[in-house]
Amino acid sequence: MAASSSDQLLEELRECLGRVKEGLRPIRDGNEHLVPFCEALECVFRDGLKQPGSLFGLNKRDYWDWVEQLPNYIYNEKQNPFLMQTITSVKNSLKMRTSAGRGRCFIRLGLMKKILSVPVDYLLKNRKLTDYWYSRESIIGNAALAANFMSLLFEVTEVDFELAYKNASFLDESWILPIYVSLELPSVEDFGMVVW
């Protein structure tokens, strides 16, 4: 029996995670396994994503749209402060203009703060909300596949990520970020000069 596309996506994510875990730590932007891992995560988040509230599909929705709205649906549980801070940081950032860029930024921040499993867990606890955003055949929409995905997200917390948050303006277009270099120039006093 052939594996479903959802099974293949989970297997790809598992393989990418294995390569990330084998490498040097902490994982930084220059790590060769970071981009394929983030792309695999994004593919899982997009698998079976519905387009609710989109008139004739003109307003394209992405996984960031449900993540951003998630605090409005957490009623009987204490909200995770790291998740709320991350969502607020991404919402308030002026570096990204699209849902795709904000979603990618959220994944990067979620990796650094070790909270990527938290929004998925909140979503899975609300079946109506899960059904609103995901088809039942998707990874997040299917209970067994979602359990596998959650176990992988818990494994991700074993890895330390140190990613540049300031270097996020290209996330609207791509996961591949330019190298961000911070230079500190010496003052004129260090050269023994005086400026009048």
N, C-alpha and C. Protein backbone atom coordinates (compact mmCIF):
# COMPACT_ATOMS: atom_id res chain seq x y z
N MET A 1 0.84 -1.19 0.00
CA MET A 1 0.00 0.00 0.00
C MET A 1 0.88 1.25 0.00
N ALA A 2 0.59 2.18 -0.87
CA ALA A 2 1.39 3.40 -0.98
C ALA A 2 1.11 4.32 0.20
N ALA A 3 2.17 4.99 0.66
CA ALA A 3 2.03 5.94 1.76
C ALA A 3 1.30 7.19 1.27
N SER A 4 0.47 7.76 2.13
CA SER A 4 -0.25 8.98 1.76
C SER A 4 0.73 10.15 1.76
N SER A 5 0.30 11.25 1.15
CA SER A 5 1.16 12.44 1.11
C SER A 5 1.41 12.97 2.52
N SER A 6 0.42 12.82 3.40
CA SER A 6 0.59 13.26 4.79
C SER A 6 1.66 12.42 5.49
N ASP A 7 1.63 11.09 5.27
CA ASP A 7 2.66 10.23 5.84
C ASP A 7 4.03 10.60 5.30
N GLN A 8 4.10 10.91 4.03
CA GLN A 8 5.37 11.30 3.42
C GLN A 8 5.89 12.61 4.01
N LEU A 9 4.98 13.56 4.25
CA LEU A 9 5.38 14.83 4.86
C LEU A 9 5.93 14.62 6.27
N LEU A 10 5.27 13.76 7.04
CA LEU A 10 5.76 13.48 8.39
C LEU A 10 7.11 12.77 8.36
N GLU A 11 7.29 11.87 7.42
CA GLU A 11 8.56 11.17 7.29
C GLU A 11 9.67 12.13 6.89
N GLU A 12 9.36 13.04 5.98
CA GLU A 12 10.34 14.06 5.57
C GLU A 12 10.72 14.94 6.76
N LEU A 13 9.72 15.35 7.55
CA LEU A 13 9.98 16.16 8.74
C LEU A 13 10.85 15.38 9.72
N ARG A 14 10.55 14.11 9.91
CA ARG A 14 11.33 13.26 10.83
C ARG A 14 12.79 13.17 10.38
N GLU A 15 13.01 13.00 9.08
CA GLU A 15 14.37 12.93 8.53
C GLU A 15 15.10 14.26 8.70
N CYS A 16 14.42 15.36 8.41
CA CYS A 16 15.03 16.69 8.56
C CYS A 16 15.38 16.96 10.02
N LEU A 17 14.49 16.58 10.92
CA LEU A 17 14.76 16.75 12.35
C LEU A 17 15.97 15.93 12.77
N GLY A 18 16.08 14.72 12.25
CA GLY A 18 17.24 13.88 12.56
C GLY A 18 18.54 14.55 12.12
N ARG A 19 18.55 15.13 10.94
CA ARG A 19 19.75 15.82 10.46
C ARG A 19 20.06 17.05 11.31
N VAL A 20 19.03 17.77 11.73
CA VAL A 20 19.24 18.95 12.59
C VAL A 20 19.82 18.51 13.94
N LYS A 21 19.30 17.41 14.49
CA LYS A 21 19.77 16.94 15.79
C LYS A 21 21.19 16.41 15.74
N GLU A 22 21.62 15.91 14.57
CA GLU A 22 22.98 15.38 14.44
C GLU A 22 24.02 16.48 14.37
N GLY A 23 23.65 17.65 13.92
CA GLY A 23 24.61 18.72 13.68
C GLY A 23 25.09 19.40 14.94
N LEU A 24 25.95 20.38 14.72
CA LEU A 24 26.48 21.18 15.82
C LEU A 24 25.37 21.99 16.44
N ARG A 25 25.51 22.23 17.73
CA ARG A 25 24.50 23.01 18.44
C ARG A 25 25.13 24.23 19.04
N PRO A 26 24.45 25.30 19.22
CA PRO A 26 23.06 25.54 18.82
C PRO A 26 22.95 25.72 17.30
N ILE A 27 21.73 25.58 16.82
CA ILE A 27 21.46 25.74 15.39
C ILE A 27 21.33 27.23 15.10
N ARG A 28 22.14 27.69 14.16
CA ARG A 28 22.10 29.11 13.77
C ARG A 28 21.68 29.23 12.31
N ASP A 29 21.50 30.45 11.86
CA ASP A 29 21.01 30.70 10.49
C ASP A 29 21.87 30.06 9.41
N GLY A 30 23.14 29.93 9.61
CA GLY A 30 24.02 29.37 8.60
C GLY A 30 23.99 27.86 8.51
N ASN A 31 23.28 27.18 9.39
CA ASN A 31 23.23 25.72 9.39
C ASN A 31 22.57 25.21 8.11
N GLU A 32 23.24 24.29 7.43
CA GLU A 32 22.74 23.80 6.15
C GLU A 32 21.44 23.01 6.25
N HIS A 33 21.12 22.51 7.43
CA HIS A 33 19.90 21.71 7.61
C HIS A 33 18.70 22.53 8.08
N LEU A 34 18.93 23.80 8.43
CA LEU A 34 17.85 24.63 8.97
C LEU A 34 16.75 24.89 7.95
N VAL A 35 17.10 25.34 6.76
CA VAL A 35 16.08 25.69 5.75
C VAL A 35 15.23 24.49 5.36
N PRO A 36 15.84 23.31 5.05
CA PRO A 36 14.98 22.15 4.72
C PRO A 36 14.07 21.75 5.89
N PHE A 37 14.56 21.87 7.11
CA PHE A 37 13.75 21.55 8.28
C PHE A 37 12.56 22.51 8.40
N CYS A 38 12.82 23.81 8.26
CA CYS A 38 11.74 24.81 8.35
C CYS A 38 10.74 24.64 7.21
N GLU A 39 11.23 24.33 6.02
CA GLU A 39 10.33 24.09 4.88
C GLU A 39 9.44 22.87 5.14
N ALA A 40 10.01 21.83 5.75
CA ALA A 40 9.21 20.64 6.06
C ALA A 40 8.15 20.96 7.11
N LEU A 41 8.52 21.75 8.12
CA LEU A 41 7.54 22.18 9.12
C LEU A 41 6.40 22.96 8.47
N GLU A 42 6.77 23.88 7.59
CA GLU A 42 5.77 24.70 6.91
C GLU A 42 4.84 23.84 6.06
N CYS A 43 5.39 22.84 5.39
CA CYS A 43 4.55 21.94 4.56
C CYS A 43 3.54 21.20 5.42
N VAL A 44 3.95 20.78 6.62
CA VAL A 44 3.01 20.10 7.52
C VAL A 44 1.92 21.06 7.96
N PHE A 45 2.30 22.29 8.32
CA PHE A 45 1.31 23.28 8.73
C PHE A 45 0.34 23.62 7.60
N ARG A 46 0.79 23.54 6.36
CA ARG A 46 -0.08 23.86 5.22
C ARG A 46 -0.86 22.67 4.70
N ASP A 47 -0.49 21.46 5.10
CA ASP A 47 -1.16 20.25 4.62
C ASP A 47 -2.63 20.26 5.01
N GLY A 48 -3.51 20.27 4.03
CA GLY A 48 -4.96 20.20 4.28
C GLY A 48 -5.55 21.46 4.85
N LEU A 49 -4.82 22.57 4.80
CA LEU A 49 -5.32 23.84 5.32
C LEU A 49 -6.47 24.33 4.45
N LYS A 50 -7.61 24.57 5.09
CA LYS A 50 -8.78 25.09 4.36
C LYS A 50 -8.64 26.59 4.18
N GLN A 51 -9.51 27.15 3.37
CA GLN A 51 -9.53 28.59 3.13
C GLN A 51 -10.84 29.18 3.67
N PRO A 52 -11.06 29.10 5.00
CA PRO A 52 -12.32 29.63 5.53
C PRO A 52 -12.38 31.15 5.43
N GLY A 53 -13.55 31.63 5.16
CA GLY A 53 -13.77 33.07 5.10
C GLY A 53 -13.15 33.74 3.89
N SER A 54 -12.71 32.97 2.94
CA SER A 54 -12.08 33.52 1.75
C SER A 54 -13.09 33.53 0.62
N LEU A 55 -13.47 34.72 0.18
CA LEU A 55 -14.46 34.87 -0.88
C LEU A 55 -13.86 34.43 -2.21
N PHE A 56 -14.34 33.33 -2.75
CA PHE A 56 -13.89 32.76 -4.02
C PHE A 56 -12.39 32.47 -4.03
N GLY A 57 -11.80 32.30 -2.85
CA GLY A 57 -10.38 31.99 -2.76
C GLY A 57 -9.48 33.18 -3.06
N LEU A 58 -10.04 34.39 -3.09
CA LEU A 58 -9.23 35.57 -3.41
C LEU A 58 -8.33 35.97 -2.25
N ASN A 59 -8.83 35.80 -1.04
CA ASN A 59 -8.06 36.14 0.15
C ASN A 59 -7.36 34.88 0.65
N LYS A 60 -6.18 34.61 0.16
CA LYS A 60 -5.45 33.37 0.47
C LYS A 60 -5.03 33.36 1.94
N ARG A 61 -5.46 32.31 2.64
CA ARG A 61 -5.12 32.15 4.05
C ARG A 61 -3.92 31.24 4.19
N ASP A 62 -3.23 31.40 5.30
CA ASP A 62 -2.08 30.57 5.61
C ASP A 62 -2.17 30.17 7.07
N TYR A 63 -1.27 29.30 7.51
CA TYR A 63 -1.32 28.81 8.88
C TYR A 63 -1.19 29.92 9.90
N TRP A 64 -0.50 31.01 9.55
CA TRP A 64 -0.37 32.13 10.47
C TRP A 64 -1.75 32.68 10.85
N ASP A 65 -2.71 32.63 9.94
CA ASP A 65 -4.03 33.19 10.21
C ASP A 65 -4.71 32.50 11.39
N TRP A 66 -4.60 31.18 11.51
CA TRP A 66 -5.21 30.53 12.68
C TRP A 66 -4.36 30.72 13.92
N VAL A 67 -3.05 30.76 13.77
CA VAL A 67 -2.19 30.99 14.94
C VAL A 67 -2.48 32.36 15.53
N GLU A 68 -2.59 33.36 14.67
CA GLU A 68 -2.85 34.72 15.12
C GLU A 68 -4.18 34.83 15.87
N GLN A 69 -5.19 34.08 15.44
CA GLN A 69 -6.51 34.15 16.06
C GLN A 69 -6.66 33.22 17.27
N LEU A 70 -5.70 32.36 17.49
CA LEU A 70 -5.80 31.36 18.54
C LEU A 70 -6.09 31.92 19.93
N PRO A 71 -5.47 33.02 20.35
CA PRO A 71 -5.78 33.54 21.70
C PRO A 71 -7.26 33.83 21.92
N ASN A 72 -8.01 34.12 20.87
CA ASN A 72 -9.44 34.39 20.99
C ASN A 72 -10.25 33.14 21.32
N TYR A 73 -9.64 31.96 21.16
CA TYR A 73 -10.36 30.70 21.35
C TYR A 73 -9.89 29.91 22.56
N ILE A 74 -9.01 30.47 23.35
CA ILE A 74 -8.55 29.78 24.55
C ILE A 74 -9.37 30.30 25.72
N TYR A 75 -10.32 29.48 26.16
CA TYR A 75 -11.26 29.93 27.19
C TYR A 75 -10.96 29.35 28.57
N ASN A 76 -10.93 28.06 28.68
CA ASN A 76 -10.89 27.41 29.98
C ASN A 76 -9.48 27.06 30.45
N GLU A 77 -8.50 27.45 29.70
CA GLU A 77 -7.13 27.14 30.05
C GLU A 77 -6.34 28.42 30.23
N LYS A 78 -5.29 28.31 31.00
CA LYS A 78 -4.38 29.44 31.14
C LYS A 78 -3.59 29.57 29.84
N GLN A 79 -3.48 30.78 29.35
CA GLN A 79 -2.74 31.00 28.11
C GLN A 79 -1.24 30.94 28.39
N ASN A 80 -0.51 30.33 27.48
CA ASN A 80 0.93 30.24 27.60
C ASN A 80 1.53 31.62 27.33
N PRO A 81 2.23 32.22 28.30
CA PRO A 81 2.74 33.58 28.09
C PRO A 81 3.78 33.68 26.98
N PHE A 82 4.58 32.62 26.78
CA PHE A 82 5.58 32.64 25.71
C PHE A 82 4.90 32.62 24.34
N LEU A 83 3.83 31.86 24.23
CA LEU A 83 3.09 31.83 22.97
C LEU A 83 2.46 33.19 22.71
N MET A 84 1.83 33.77 23.72
CA MET A 84 1.16 35.06 23.53
C MET A 84 2.18 36.15 23.18
N GLN A 85 3.35 36.11 23.83
CA GLN A 85 4.40 37.08 23.53
C GLN A 85 4.91 36.91 22.10
N THR A 86 5.06 35.67 21.66
CA THR A 86 5.54 35.39 20.31
C THR A 86 4.54 35.87 19.27
N ILE A 87 3.26 35.55 19.48
CA ILE A 87 2.22 36.00 18.55
C ILE A 87 2.19 37.52 18.46
N THR A 88 2.28 38.19 19.61
CA THR A 88 2.28 39.65 19.64
C THR A 88 3.49 40.22 18.92
N SER A 89 4.67 39.62 19.14
CA SER A 89 5.89 40.10 18.48
C SER A 89 5.76 40.00 16.97
N VAL A 90 5.24 38.88 16.49
CA VAL A 90 5.10 38.69 15.05
C VAL A 90 4.05 39.66 14.49
N LYS A 91 2.92 39.80 15.19
CA LYS A 91 1.86 40.71 14.72
C LYS A 91 2.36 42.16 14.62
N ASN A 92 3.19 42.56 15.60
CA ASN A 92 3.65 43.95 15.65
C ASN A 92 4.86 44.23 14.77
N SER A 93 5.47 43.21 14.23
CA SER A 93 6.65 43.40 13.40
C SER A 93 6.27 44.04 12.07
N LEU A 94 7.02 45.03 11.68
CA LEU A 94 6.78 45.72 10.41
C LEU A 94 7.63 45.14 9.29
N LYS A 95 8.41 44.11 9.59
CA LYS A 95 9.33 43.54 8.60
C LYS A 95 8.63 42.65 7.58
N MET A 96 7.51 42.02 7.97
CA MET A 96 6.80 41.12 7.08
C MET A 96 5.45 41.74 6.70
N ARG A 97 5.02 41.47 5.46
CA ARG A 97 3.75 42.01 4.98
C ARG A 97 2.72 40.93 4.70
N THR A 98 3.15 39.68 4.57
CA THR A 98 2.23 38.61 4.17
C THR A 98 2.04 37.61 5.30
N SER A 99 0.97 36.85 5.20
CA SER A 99 0.74 35.77 6.17
C SER A 99 1.84 34.73 6.10
N ALA A 100 2.34 34.46 4.90
CA ALA A 100 3.44 33.49 4.76
C ALA A 100 4.68 33.97 5.51
N GLY A 101 5.02 35.24 5.35
CA GLY A 101 6.18 35.79 6.05
C GLY A 101 6.00 35.78 7.55
N ARG A 102 4.81 36.12 8.01
CA ARG A 102 4.55 36.11 9.45
C ARG A 102 4.56 34.68 10.00
N GLY A 103 4.04 33.75 9.22
CA GLY A 103 4.07 32.35 9.65
C GLY A 103 5.50 31.84 9.76
N ARG A 104 6.33 32.20 8.81
CA ARG A 104 7.74 31.79 8.86
C ARG A 104 8.45 32.42 10.05
N CYS A 105 8.16 33.67 10.31
CA CYS A 105 8.74 34.34 11.48
C CYS A 105 8.27 33.64 12.76
N PHE A 106 6.99 33.28 12.80
CA PHE A 106 6.46 32.58 13.97
C PHE A 106 7.19 31.24 14.17
N ILE A 107 7.42 30.51 13.10
CA ILE A 107 8.14 29.24 13.23
C ILE A 107 9.53 29.48 13.79
N ARG A 108 10.23 30.49 13.26
CA ARG A 108 11.59 30.78 13.74
C ARG A 108 11.59 31.14 15.23
N LEU A 109 10.68 32.02 15.63
CA LEU A 109 10.60 32.40 17.04
C LEU A 109 10.15 31.21 17.89
N GLY A 110 9.21 30.42 17.37
CA GLY A 110 8.74 29.24 18.09
C GLY A 110 9.85 28.23 18.32
N LEU A 111 10.73 28.08 17.35
CA LEU A 111 11.88 27.18 17.51
C LEU A 111 12.81 27.69 18.61
N MET A 112 13.06 29.00 18.62
CA MET A 112 13.96 29.56 19.63
C MET A 112 13.36 29.47 21.04
N LYS A 113 12.05 29.69 21.15
CA LYS A 113 11.40 29.68 22.46
C LYS A 113 10.85 28.30 22.85
N LYS A 114 11.01 27.33 21.95
CA LYS A 114 10.59 25.94 22.19
C LYS A 114 9.09 25.82 22.46
N ILE A 115 8.29 26.51 21.65
CA ILE A 115 6.84 26.54 21.88
C ILE A 115 6.02 26.09 20.67
N LEU A 116 6.64 25.50 19.65
CA LEU A 116 5.87 25.16 18.46
C LEU A 116 4.75 24.16 18.72
N SER A 117 4.90 23.34 19.72
CA SER A 117 3.83 22.37 20.02
C SER A 117 2.62 23.02 20.69
N VAL A 118 2.82 24.16 21.32
CA VAL A 118 1.76 24.80 22.11
C VAL A 118 0.56 25.21 21.25
N PRO A 119 0.73 25.95 20.15
CA PRO A 119 -0.46 26.33 19.38
C PRO A 119 -1.16 25.12 18.76
N VAL A 120 -0.38 24.13 18.35
CA VAL A 120 -0.99 22.92 17.77
C VAL A 120 -1.80 22.20 18.84
N ASP A 121 -1.28 22.13 20.05
CA ASP A 121 -2.00 21.49 21.15
C ASP A 121 -3.31 22.23 21.44
N TYR A 122 -3.27 23.56 21.50
CA TYR A 122 -4.49 24.34 21.72
C TYR A 122 -5.50 24.08 20.60
N LEU A 123 -5.02 24.05 19.36
CA LEU A 123 -5.91 23.82 18.22
C LEU A 123 -6.54 22.44 18.30
N LEU A 124 -5.75 21.43 18.63
CA LEU A 124 -6.26 20.06 18.68
C LEU A 124 -7.28 19.85 19.80
N LYS A 125 -7.19 20.63 20.84
CA LYS A 125 -8.14 20.52 21.95
C LYS A 125 -9.51 21.09 21.59
N ASN A 126 -9.57 21.86 20.51
CA ASN A 126 -10.83 22.45 20.07
C ASN A 126 -11.18 21.85 18.70
N ARG A 127 -11.93 20.75 18.71
CA ARG A 127 -12.22 20.01 17.47
C ARG A 127 -12.93 20.87 16.44
N LYS A 128 -13.84 21.73 16.88
CA LYS A 128 -14.55 22.59 15.92
C LYS A 128 -13.58 23.53 15.21
N LEU A 129 -12.65 24.07 15.96
CA LEU A 129 -11.66 24.96 15.38
C LEU A 129 -10.73 24.21 14.43
N THR A 130 -10.34 23.01 14.83
CA THR A 130 -9.50 22.18 13.97
C THR A 130 -10.22 21.89 12.66
N ASP A 131 -11.49 21.51 12.75
CA ASP A 131 -12.28 21.20 11.55
C ASP A 131 -12.50 22.45 10.68
N TYR A 132 -12.56 23.60 11.31
CA TYR A 132 -12.74 24.86 10.57
C TYR A 132 -11.53 25.15 9.70
N TRP A 133 -10.33 24.87 10.22
CA TRP A 133 -9.10 25.22 9.52
C TRP A 133 -8.49 24.08 8.71
N TYR A 134 -8.72 22.83 9.11
CA TYR A 134 -8.04 21.70 8.45
C TYR A 134 -9.02 20.61 8.04
N SER A 135 -8.71 19.97 6.91
CA SER A 135 -9.52 18.83 6.47
C SER A 135 -9.17 17.63 7.36
N ARG A 136 -10.08 16.69 7.45
CA ARG A 136 -9.88 15.50 8.29
C ARG A 136 -8.76 14.59 7.76
N GLU A 137 -8.40 14.74 6.49
CA GLU A 137 -7.34 13.92 5.90
C GLU A 137 -5.95 14.53 6.12
N SER A 138 -5.90 15.73 6.63
CA SER A 138 -4.62 16.41 6.83
C SER A 138 -3.91 15.87 8.07
N ILE A 139 -2.67 16.25 8.23
CA ILE A 139 -1.91 15.81 9.40
C ILE A 139 -2.52 16.36 10.68
N ILE A 140 -2.81 17.64 10.71
CA ILE A 140 -3.38 18.24 11.92
C ILE A 140 -4.84 17.86 12.09
N GLY A 141 -5.56 17.62 11.01
CA GLY A 141 -6.97 17.26 11.09
C GLY A 141 -7.23 15.81 11.45
N ASN A 142 -6.23 14.94 11.33
CA ASN A 142 -6.37 13.52 11.62
C ASN A 142 -5.73 13.23 12.98
N ALA A 143 -6.48 12.65 13.90
CA ALA A 143 -6.01 12.47 15.28
C ALA A 143 -4.71 11.65 15.35
N ALA A 144 -4.62 10.55 14.60
CA ALA A 144 -3.42 9.71 14.66
C ALA A 144 -2.20 10.43 14.08
N LEU A 145 -2.39 11.09 12.94
CA LEU A 145 -1.28 11.83 12.34
C LEU A 145 -0.88 13.03 13.20
N ALA A 146 -1.87 13.67 13.80
CA ALA A 146 -1.58 14.82 14.67
C ALA A 146 -0.77 14.37 15.89
N ALA A 147 -1.05 13.19 16.42
CA ALA A 147 -0.28 12.67 17.55
C ALA A 147 1.18 12.44 17.15
N ASN A 148 1.40 11.93 15.94
CA ASN A 148 2.76 11.75 15.44
C ASN A 148 3.46 13.10 15.27
N PHE A 149 2.73 14.07 14.74
CA PHE A 149 3.29 15.41 14.56
C PHE A 149 3.65 16.03 15.91
N MET A 150 2.77 15.89 16.89
CA MET A 150 3.05 16.43 18.22
C MET A 150 4.30 15.79 18.82
N SER A 151 4.48 14.49 18.63
CA SER A 151 5.69 13.84 19.18
C SER A 151 6.94 14.41 18.53
N LEU A 152 6.87 14.72 17.24
CA LEU A 152 8.02 15.34 16.56
C LEU A 152 8.25 16.76 17.09
N LEU A 153 7.18 17.50 17.34
CA LEU A 153 7.32 18.85 17.88
C LEU A 153 7.94 18.82 19.27
N PHE A 154 7.61 17.80 20.06
CA PHE A 154 8.23 17.66 21.38
C PHE A 154 9.72 17.35 21.24
N GLU A 155 10.09 16.56 20.24
CA GLU A 155 11.50 16.28 19.98
C GLU A 155 12.25 17.54 19.60
N VAL A 156 11.59 18.44 18.90
CA VAL A 156 12.22 19.70 18.47
C VAL A 156 12.69 20.50 19.69
N THR A 157 12.00 20.39 20.81
CA THR A 157 12.38 21.16 22.00
C THR A 157 13.73 20.72 22.57
N GLU A 158 14.24 19.58 22.13
CA GLU A 158 15.57 19.13 22.59
C GLU A 158 16.69 19.88 21.90
N VAL A 159 16.37 20.61 20.84
CA VAL A 159 17.38 21.30 20.04
C VAL A 159 17.35 22.79 20.38
N ASP A 160 18.53 23.37 20.57
CA ASP A 160 18.63 24.81 20.83
C ASP A 160 18.82 25.54 19.51
N PHE A 161 18.02 26.57 19.30
CA PHE A 161 18.10 27.40 18.10
C PHE A 161 18.47 28.81 18.50
N GLU A 162 19.43 29.40 17.81
CA GLU A 162 19.80 30.81 17.98
C GLU A 162 19.71 31.46 16.61
N LEU A 163 18.54 31.99 16.30
CA LEU A 163 18.28 32.56 14.98
C LEU A 163 18.12 34.07 15.09
N ALA A 164 18.55 34.79 14.07
CA ALA A 164 18.49 36.25 14.08
C ALA A 164 17.05 36.71 13.82
N TYR A 165 16.47 37.37 14.79
CA TYR A 165 15.11 37.87 14.64
C TYR A 165 15.09 39.14 13.78
N LYS A 166 16.14 39.94 13.88
CA LYS A 166 16.19 41.20 13.12
C LYS A 166 16.27 40.95 11.62
N ASN A 167 16.75 39.81 11.25
CA ASN A 167 16.96 39.49 9.84
C ASN A 167 15.73 38.75 9.30
N ALA A 168 14.57 39.42 9.29
CA ALA A 168 13.32 38.75 8.94
C ALA A 168 12.60 39.35 7.75
N SER A 169 13.11 40.41 7.17
CA SER A 169 12.36 41.08 6.11
C SER A 169 12.23 40.25 4.83
N PHE A 170 13.06 39.23 4.65
CA PHE A 170 12.99 38.40 3.45
C PHE A 170 12.06 37.20 3.60
N LEU A 171 11.47 37.02 4.78
CA LEU A 171 10.62 35.86 5.02
C LEU A 171 9.34 35.88 4.19
N ASP A 172 8.93 37.03 3.69
CA ASP A 172 7.77 37.08 2.79
C ASP A 172 8.04 36.30 1.51
N GLU A 173 9.29 36.25 1.10
CA GLU A 173 9.66 35.64 -0.17
C GLU A 173 10.26 34.24 -0.04
N SER A 174 11.04 34.02 1.01
CA SER A 174 11.83 32.79 1.06
C SER A 174 12.26 32.48 2.49
N TRP A 175 12.60 31.23 2.72
CA TRP A 175 13.21 30.83 3.98
C TRP A 175 14.69 31.19 4.00
N ILE A 176 15.28 31.34 2.83
CA ILE A 176 16.72 31.61 2.74
C ILE A 176 16.95 33.07 3.04
N LEU A 177 17.64 33.33 4.13
CA LEU A 177 17.88 34.69 4.56
C LEU A 177 19.30 35.12 4.21
N PRO A 178 19.46 36.39 3.89
CA PRO A 178 20.82 36.86 3.69
C PRO A 178 21.57 36.86 5.02
N ILE A 179 22.87 36.84 4.93
CA ILE A 179 23.68 36.83 6.15
C ILE A 179 23.60 38.21 6.79
N TYR A 180 23.32 38.22 8.07
CA TYR A 180 23.19 39.45 8.84
C TYR A 180 24.47 39.65 9.62
N VAL A 181 25.15 40.75 9.37
CA VAL A 181 26.41 41.03 10.04
C VAL A 181 26.26 42.31 10.83
N SER A 182 26.64 42.26 12.08
CA SER A 182 26.60 43.43 12.93
C SER A 182 28.04 43.86 13.17
N LEU A 183 28.35 45.08 12.78
CA LEU A 183 29.71 45.59 12.92
C LEU A 183 29.74 46.68 13.97
N GLU A 184 30.82 46.69 14.73
CA GLU A 184 31.01 47.74 15.70
C GLU A 184 32.26 48.50 15.29
N LEU A 185 32.10 49.76 14.98
CA LEU A 185 33.21 50.58 14.54
C LEU A 185 33.86 51.26 15.74
N PRO A 186 35.18 51.36 15.73
CA PRO A 186 35.85 52.04 16.86
C PRO A 186 35.57 53.53 16.83
N SER A 187 35.62 54.14 17.98
CA SER A 187 35.39 55.58 18.06
C SER A 187 36.67 56.31 17.67
N VAL A 188 36.55 57.58 17.38
CA VAL A 188 37.73 58.36 16.99
C VAL A 188 38.72 58.47 18.14
N GLU A 189 38.22 58.41 19.38
CA GLU A 189 39.12 58.47 20.53
C GLU A 189 40.06 57.27 20.56
N ASP A 190 39.59 56.11 20.06
CA ASP A 190 40.42 54.92 20.02
C ASP A 190 41.63 55.10 19.11
N PHE A 191 41.50 56.00 18.14
CA PHE A 191 42.62 56.28 17.23
C PHE A 191 43.47 57.45 17.74
N GLY A 192 43.12 58.01 18.88
CA GLY A 192 43.87 59.14 19.42
C GLY A 192 43.54 60.45 18.74
N MET A 193 42.39 60.51 18.12
CA MET A 193 41.98 61.74 17.43
C MET A 193 40.90 62.47 18.23
N VAL A 194 40.85 63.75 18.01
CA VAL A 194 39.84 64.56 18.66
C VAL A 194 39.07 65.30 17.57
N VAL A 195 37.76 65.28 17.66
CA VAL A 195 36.92 65.96 16.68
C VAL A 195 36.40 67.24 17.31
N TRP A 196 36.64 68.38 16.62
CA TRP A 196 36.18 69.69 17.14
C TRP A 196 34.91 70.09 16.49
